[in-house]
Amino acid sequence: MNAVVLTVLFLLPQQDPERLLERLRDDSPKVREEATRILRAMEEAALPALRLTLQDPDAEIRARVRALIDRIEWDAVMDPALLAR
């Protein structure tokens, strides 16, 4: 079943962060991690939906989303030349 779930996750439109955020509630840690990876790869495009999710009643979701926002914002301000070192 995990392979099927991961395949479906890969097929989700990357421009739909709301659907990926739903995957953060999945029972499978692999599905949650993959959704997190895709949201991070979306960079600034995911930020509006991520910020709305900061009000989620689930503490685990809020923590994961806060970490994602911090990482995306950090990556946006870092000079790529510094990251290459």
N, C-alpha and C. Protein backbone atom coordinates (compact mmCIF):
# COMPACT_ATOMS: atom_id res chain seq x y z
N MET A 1 0.81 -1.20 0.00
CA MET A 1 0.00 0.00 0.00
C MET A 1 0.85 1.26 0.00
N ASN A 2 1.99 1.27 0.69
CA ASN A 2 2.83 2.46 0.73
C ASN A 2 3.28 2.90 -0.65
N ALA A 3 3.63 1.96 -1.51
CA ALA A 3 4.06 2.31 -2.87
C ALA A 3 2.93 2.98 -3.63
N VAL A 4 1.73 2.49 -3.45
CA VAL A 4 0.57 3.08 -4.13
C VAL A 4 0.33 4.50 -3.61
N VAL A 5 0.40 4.67 -2.31
CA VAL A 5 0.18 5.99 -1.72
C VAL A 5 1.25 6.96 -2.19
N LEU A 6 2.49 6.53 -2.21
CA LEU A 6 3.57 7.41 -2.66
C LEU A 6 3.43 7.75 -4.13
N THR A 7 2.99 6.80 -4.93
CA THR A 7 2.77 7.07 -6.36
C THR A 7 1.70 8.14 -6.53
N VAL A 8 0.62 8.01 -5.80
CA VAL A 8 -0.45 9.00 -5.87
C VAL A 8 0.07 10.36 -5.43
N LEU A 9 0.87 10.38 -4.39
CA LEU A 9 1.43 11.63 -3.90
C LEU A 9 2.29 12.30 -4.96
N PHE A 10 3.10 11.53 -5.66
CA PHE A 10 3.94 12.08 -6.73
C PHE A 10 3.10 12.66 -7.85
N LEU A 11 1.92 12.12 -8.07
CA LEU A 11 1.07 12.57 -9.16
C LEU A 11 0.24 13.80 -8.81
N LEU A 12 0.22 14.19 -7.54
CA LEU A 12 -0.52 15.38 -7.16
C LEU A 12 0.08 16.60 -7.86
N PRO A 13 -0.78 17.49 -8.30
CA PRO A 13 -0.24 18.71 -8.93
C PRO A 13 0.59 19.49 -7.92
N GLN A 14 1.79 19.81 -8.28
CA GLN A 14 2.66 20.52 -7.35
C GLN A 14 2.17 21.94 -7.09
N GLN A 15 1.32 22.47 -7.95
CA GLN A 15 0.82 23.81 -7.74
C GLN A 15 -0.37 23.84 -6.77
N ASP A 16 -0.67 22.73 -6.14
CA ASP A 16 -1.79 22.65 -5.21
C ASP A 16 -1.30 22.33 -3.80
N PRO A 17 -0.75 23.32 -3.10
CA PRO A 17 -0.20 23.05 -1.77
C PRO A 17 -1.26 22.61 -0.77
N GLU A 18 -2.52 23.02 -0.97
CA GLU A 18 -3.57 22.61 -0.04
C GLU A 18 -3.72 21.10 -0.01
N ARG A 19 -3.66 20.47 -1.15
CA ARG A 19 -3.76 19.01 -1.20
C ARG A 19 -2.55 18.36 -0.55
N LEU A 20 -1.39 18.95 -0.74
CA LEU A 20 -0.19 18.41 -0.10
C LEU A 20 -0.26 18.59 1.41
N LEU A 21 -0.81 19.70 1.85
CA LEU A 21 -0.95 19.92 3.29
C LEU A 21 -1.87 18.87 3.92
N GLU A 22 -2.87 18.44 3.19
CA GLU A 22 -3.74 17.36 3.67
C GLU A 22 -2.93 16.08 3.91
N ARG A 23 -1.91 15.87 3.09
CA ARG A 23 -1.09 14.66 3.20
C ARG A 23 -0.23 14.68 4.47
N LEU A 24 -0.07 15.84 5.08
CA LEU A 24 0.68 15.91 6.34
C LEU A 24 -0.06 15.21 7.47
N ARG A 25 -1.33 14.91 7.27
CA ARG A 25 -2.14 14.21 8.27
C ARG A 25 -2.16 12.70 8.05
N ASP A 26 -1.52 12.24 7.00
CA ASP A 26 -1.55 10.82 6.67
C ASP A 26 -0.93 9.99 7.79
N ASP A 27 -1.43 8.77 7.95
CA ASP A 27 -0.89 7.87 8.97
C ASP A 27 0.54 7.42 8.67
N SER A 28 0.91 7.44 7.39
CA SER A 28 2.23 6.96 6.98
C SER A 28 3.29 8.06 7.11
N PRO A 29 4.34 7.82 7.89
CA PRO A 29 5.43 8.80 7.97
C PRO A 29 6.06 9.07 6.60
N LYS A 30 6.12 8.06 5.75
CA LYS A 30 6.71 8.25 4.41
C LYS A 30 5.90 9.25 3.60
N VAL A 31 4.59 9.15 3.68
CA VAL A 31 3.72 10.07 2.94
C VAL A 31 3.88 11.49 3.50
N ARG A 32 3.92 11.63 4.82
CA ARG A 32 4.10 12.95 5.42
C ARG A 32 5.44 13.56 5.03
N GLU A 33 6.50 12.76 5.03
CA GLU A 33 7.82 13.26 4.66
C GLU A 33 7.88 13.66 3.19
N GLU A 34 7.25 12.88 2.33
CA GLU A 34 7.26 13.21 0.91
C GLU A 34 6.46 14.48 0.65
N ALA A 35 5.33 14.65 1.31
CA ALA A 35 4.55 15.88 1.17
C ALA A 35 5.38 17.07 1.64
N THR A 36 6.10 16.91 2.72
CA THR A 36 6.97 17.97 3.24
C THR A 36 8.05 18.31 2.22
N ARG A 37 8.65 17.30 1.63
CA ARG A 37 9.71 17.52 0.63
C ARG A 37 9.17 18.30 -0.58
N ILE A 38 8.00 17.91 -1.06
CA ILE A 38 7.42 18.58 -2.23
C ILE A 38 7.05 20.02 -1.88
N LEU A 39 6.46 20.24 -0.72
CA LEU A 39 6.11 21.60 -0.31
C LEU A 39 7.36 22.47 -0.23
N ARG A 40 8.44 21.93 0.30
CA ARG A 40 9.68 22.71 0.37
C ARG A 40 10.20 23.03 -1.02
N ALA A 41 10.09 22.08 -1.93
CA ALA A 41 10.55 22.30 -3.30
C ALA A 41 9.72 23.36 -4.02
N MET A 42 8.48 23.55 -3.58
CA MET A 42 7.62 24.57 -4.18
C MET A 42 8.07 25.98 -3.81
N GLU A 43 8.88 26.08 -2.78
CA GLU A 43 9.44 27.34 -2.32
C GLU A 43 8.34 28.36 -2.01
N GLU A 44 8.51 29.61 -2.47
CA GLU A 44 7.59 30.69 -2.11
C GLU A 44 6.15 30.42 -2.55
N ALA A 45 5.93 29.61 -3.55
CA ALA A 45 4.57 29.32 -4.02
C ALA A 45 3.74 28.63 -2.94
N ALA A 46 4.39 27.94 -2.02
CA ALA A 46 3.67 27.22 -0.96
C ALA A 46 3.41 28.09 0.26
N LEU A 47 4.07 29.23 0.37
CA LEU A 47 4.01 30.02 1.60
C LEU A 47 2.60 30.47 2.00
N PRO A 48 1.76 30.98 1.10
CA PRO A 48 0.42 31.40 1.55
C PRO A 48 -0.37 30.28 2.23
N ALA A 49 -0.38 29.11 1.63
CA ALA A 49 -1.11 27.98 2.22
C ALA A 49 -0.45 27.53 3.52
N LEU A 50 0.88 27.53 3.55
CA LEU A 50 1.58 27.15 4.77
C LEU A 50 1.25 28.10 5.92
N ARG A 51 1.22 29.40 5.63
CA ARG A 51 0.93 30.37 6.68
C ARG A 51 -0.47 30.20 7.24
N LEU A 52 -1.43 29.88 6.38
CA LEU A 52 -2.79 29.63 6.86
C LEU A 52 -2.84 28.43 7.79
N THR A 53 -1.98 27.48 7.55
CA THR A 53 -1.97 26.24 8.33
C THR A 53 -1.33 26.43 9.71
N LEU A 54 -0.70 27.56 9.94
CA LEU A 54 -0.11 27.82 11.26
C LEU A 54 -1.16 27.86 12.37
N GLN A 55 -2.42 27.99 12.00
CA GLN A 55 -3.51 28.02 12.98
C GLN A 55 -4.12 26.64 13.20
N ASP A 56 -3.55 25.61 12.61
CA ASP A 56 -4.09 24.26 12.72
C ASP A 56 -4.12 23.82 14.19
N PRO A 57 -5.18 23.11 14.60
CA PRO A 57 -5.24 22.65 15.99
C PRO A 57 -4.23 21.54 16.33
N ASP A 58 -3.68 20.89 15.32
CA ASP A 58 -2.73 19.79 15.53
C ASP A 58 -1.31 20.36 15.70
N ALA A 59 -0.74 20.15 16.88
CA ALA A 59 0.59 20.69 17.18
C ALA A 59 1.67 20.14 16.25
N GLU A 60 1.57 18.87 15.85
CA GLU A 60 2.56 18.30 14.94
C GLU A 60 2.51 18.98 13.58
N ILE A 61 1.31 19.26 13.09
CA ILE A 61 1.16 19.95 11.81
C ILE A 61 1.75 21.36 11.91
N ARG A 62 1.40 22.07 12.98
CA ARG A 62 1.93 23.43 13.16
C ARG A 62 3.45 23.43 13.21
N ALA A 63 4.05 22.49 13.91
CA ALA A 63 5.51 22.43 14.01
C ALA A 63 6.14 22.13 12.66
N ARG A 64 5.58 21.20 11.93
CA ARG A 64 6.13 20.85 10.61
C ARG A 64 6.01 22.04 9.66
N VAL A 65 4.86 22.71 9.70
CA VAL A 65 4.63 23.86 8.82
C VAL A 65 5.55 25.02 9.21
N ARG A 66 5.73 25.27 10.49
CA ARG A 66 6.62 26.35 10.94
C ARG A 66 8.05 26.09 10.45
N ALA A 67 8.50 24.85 10.57
CA ALA A 67 9.84 24.49 10.10
C ALA A 67 9.96 24.67 8.59
N LEU A 68 8.92 24.31 7.86
CA LEU A 68 8.92 24.49 6.40
C LEU A 68 9.02 25.97 6.04
N ILE A 69 8.20 26.78 6.68
CA ILE A 69 8.22 28.22 6.39
C ILE A 69 9.59 28.79 6.69
N ASP A 70 10.15 28.46 7.84
CA ASP A 70 11.48 28.96 8.21
C ASP A 70 12.52 28.56 7.17
N ARG A 71 12.48 27.32 6.73
CA ARG A 71 13.48 26.84 5.76
C ARG A 71 13.31 27.51 4.40
N ILE A 72 12.07 27.65 3.94
CA ILE A 72 11.82 28.30 2.65
C ILE A 72 12.27 29.76 2.70
N GLU A 73 11.93 30.46 3.78
CA GLU A 73 12.34 31.86 3.90
C GLU A 73 13.85 31.99 4.01
N TRP A 74 14.49 31.09 4.73
CA TRP A 74 15.95 31.10 4.85
C TRP A 74 16.60 30.87 3.48
N ASP A 75 16.11 29.87 2.76
CA ASP A 75 16.66 29.58 1.44
C ASP A 75 16.49 30.76 0.49
N ALA A 76 15.40 31.51 0.64
CA ALA A 76 15.12 32.63 -0.25
C ALA A 76 16.10 33.78 -0.06
N VAL A 77 16.64 33.93 1.14
CA VAL A 77 17.55 35.05 1.39
C VAL A 77 19.02 34.67 1.29
N MET A 78 19.31 33.39 1.28
CA MET A 78 20.71 32.96 1.22
C MET A 78 21.27 33.14 -0.19
N ASP A 79 22.48 33.58 -0.26
CA ASP A 79 23.19 33.72 -1.53
C ASP A 79 23.60 32.33 -2.00
N PRO A 80 23.20 31.95 -3.23
CA PRO A 80 23.58 30.62 -3.73
C PRO A 80 25.08 30.37 -3.72
N ALA A 81 25.89 31.41 -3.89
CA ALA A 81 27.34 31.23 -3.87
C ALA A 81 27.81 30.80 -2.48
N LEU A 82 27.17 31.32 -1.44
CA LEU A 82 27.53 30.91 -0.09
C LEU A 82 27.12 29.48 0.19
N LEU A 83 25.98 29.09 -0.35
CA LEU A 83 25.50 27.72 -0.15
C LEU A 83 26.38 26.70 -0.85
N ALA A 84 27.07 27.11 -1.91
CA ALA A 84 27.90 26.19 -2.69
C ALA A 84 29.21 25.87 -1.97
N ARG A 85 29.56 26.64 -0.98
CA ARG A 85 30.83 26.42 -0.27
C ARG A 85 30.80 25.20 0.58
